[in-house]
């Protein structure tokens, strides 16, 4: 019988992204998409350091609109991953420049 290996770090990260998406999606009806209020809840909870540092109250609405590629007023998992990927690139670029992206109190 073949031994089943434990998930790799990358596999665990993917599982975590799926779990986080599913934690927020569906409260407003569609389990496969984030509504505007679900997106706000996600941002204010999971990316609180980012949202707290924003001076512009409309930034989340503009982000949602830009991420919503099919203009249905919701974010599907692919659109959500575009956000995560963009943030990962910004963090990586910041790391390469040696400057912190978010200042923690």
Protein backbone atom coordinates (compact mmCIF):
# COMPACT_ATOMS: atom_id res chain seq x y z
CA UNK A 1 0.00 0.00 0.00
CA UNK A 2 1.38 3.42 -0.99
CA UNK A 3 2.05 5.89 1.75
CA UNK A 4 0.05 9.10 1.43
CA UNK A 5 2.33 12.05 1.96
CA UNK A 6 1.22 15.13 3.81
CA UNK A 7 0.42 18.23 1.75
CA UNK A 8 3.29 20.44 0.68
CA UNK A 9 3.54 24.04 1.84
CA UNK A 10 2.21 25.22 -1.53
CA UNK A 11 -0.72 22.78 -1.37
CA UNK A 12 -1.55 24.03 2.14
CA UNK A 13 -1.46 27.63 0.88
CA UNK A 14 -3.89 26.79 -1.92
CA UNK A 15 -6.18 25.01 0.55
CA UNK A 16 -6.03 28.09 2.79
CA UNK A 17 -6.97 30.45 -0.04
CA UNK A 18 -9.94 28.28 -0.94
CA UNK A 19 -11.01 28.06 2.72
CA UNK A 20 -10.78 31.83 3.21
CA UNK A 21 -12.78 32.50 0.04
CA UNK A 22 -15.46 30.02 1.14
CA UNK A 23 -15.58 31.53 4.63
CA UNK A 24 -16.74 34.86 3.19
CA UNK A 25 -18.68 33.78 0.08
CA UNK A 26 -22.31 32.77 0.38
CA UNK A 27 -23.50 34.91 3.26
CA UNK A 28 -25.49 36.94 0.71
CA UNK A 29 -26.75 33.92 -1.22
CA UNK A 30 -24.17 32.74 -3.78
CA UNK A 31 -21.62 30.29 -2.33
CA UNK A 32 -19.35 30.72 -5.35
CA UNK A 33 -18.96 34.51 -5.34
CA UNK A 34 -18.20 37.40 -3.01
CA UNK A 35 -20.83 40.12 -2.95
CA UNK A 36 -19.80 43.71 -2.31
CA UNK A 37 -20.54 43.37 1.41
CA UNK A 38 -18.72 40.01 1.61
CA UNK A 39 -15.73 41.58 -0.15
CA UNK A 40 -15.74 44.46 2.36
CA UNK A 41 -15.94 41.98 5.24
CA UNK A 42 -13.03 40.00 3.79
CA UNK A 43 -10.90 43.13 3.31
CA UNK A 44 -11.69 44.58 6.75
CA UNK A 45 -10.92 41.28 8.49
CA UNK A 46 -8.23 39.53 6.48
CA UNK A 47 -6.42 42.61 5.16
CA UNK A 48 -7.19 45.00 8.00
CA UNK A 49 -3.73 46.61 7.96
CA UNK A 50 -4.31 47.62 4.34
CA UNK A 51 -7.82 48.98 4.82
CA UNK A 52 -6.98 50.86 8.03
CA UNK A 53 -4.16 52.72 6.24
CA UNK A 54 -6.48 53.94 3.46
CA UNK A 55 -7.47 57.60 3.64
CA UNK A 56 -9.92 57.33 0.73
CA UNK A 57 -13.27 55.81 1.77
CA UNK A 58 -14.04 54.80 -1.84
CA UNK A 59 -10.94 52.67 -2.33
CA UNK A 60 -12.70 49.33 -1.65
CA UNK A 61 -15.52 50.14 -4.08
CA UNK A 62 -12.99 51.00 -6.80
CA UNK A 63 -10.99 47.85 -6.07
CA UNK A 64 -14.13 45.74 -6.31
CA UNK A 65 -15.10 47.36 -9.61
CA UNK A 66 -11.62 46.85 -11.07
CA UNK A 67 -11.45 43.21 -9.92
CA UNK A 68 -14.97 42.42 -11.19
CA UNK A 69 -13.90 41.56 -14.74
CA UNK A 70 -17.32 40.33 -15.88
CA UNK A 71 -19.13 43.30 -14.25
CA UNK A 72 -21.67 41.15 -12.39
CA UNK A 73 -21.21 43.04 -9.12
CA UNK A 74 -19.55 40.06 -7.44
CA UNK A 75 -16.12 38.42 -7.32
CA UNK A 76 -15.77 34.80 -8.36
CA UNK A 77 -12.77 32.77 -7.22
CA UNK A 78 -10.67 33.72 -10.28
CA UNK A 79 -11.32 37.41 -9.70
CA UNK A 80 -10.49 36.92 -6.01
CA UNK A 81 -7.20 35.26 -6.99
CA UNK A 82 -6.37 38.30 -9.14
CA UNK A 83 -6.52 40.36 -5.93
CA UNK A 84 -4.38 37.87 -4.00
CA UNK A 85 -1.87 37.63 -6.84
CA UNK A 86 -1.61 41.41 -7.13
CA UNK A 87 -1.04 41.73 -3.40
CA UNK A 88 1.57 38.97 -3.48
CA UNK A 89 3.44 40.74 -6.29
CA UNK A 90 3.32 44.05 -4.39
CA UNK A 91 4.64 42.36 -1.25
CA UNK A 92 7.40 40.63 -3.21
CA UNK A 93 8.40 43.88 -4.90
CA UNK A 94 8.49 45.60 -1.51
CA UNK A 95 10.62 42.78 -0.12
CA UNK A 96 13.06 43.11 -3.02
CA UNK A 97 13.36 46.86 -2.41
CA UNK A 98 13.87 46.23 1.30
CA UNK A 99 11.02 48.48 2.37
CA UNK A 100 8.07 47.38 4.47
CA UNK A 101 4.75 47.43 2.60
CA UNK A 102 2.60 47.90 5.71
CA UNK A 103 3.69 49.51 8.94
CA UNK A 104 2.45 47.62 11.95
CA UNK A 105 1.66 49.58 15.12
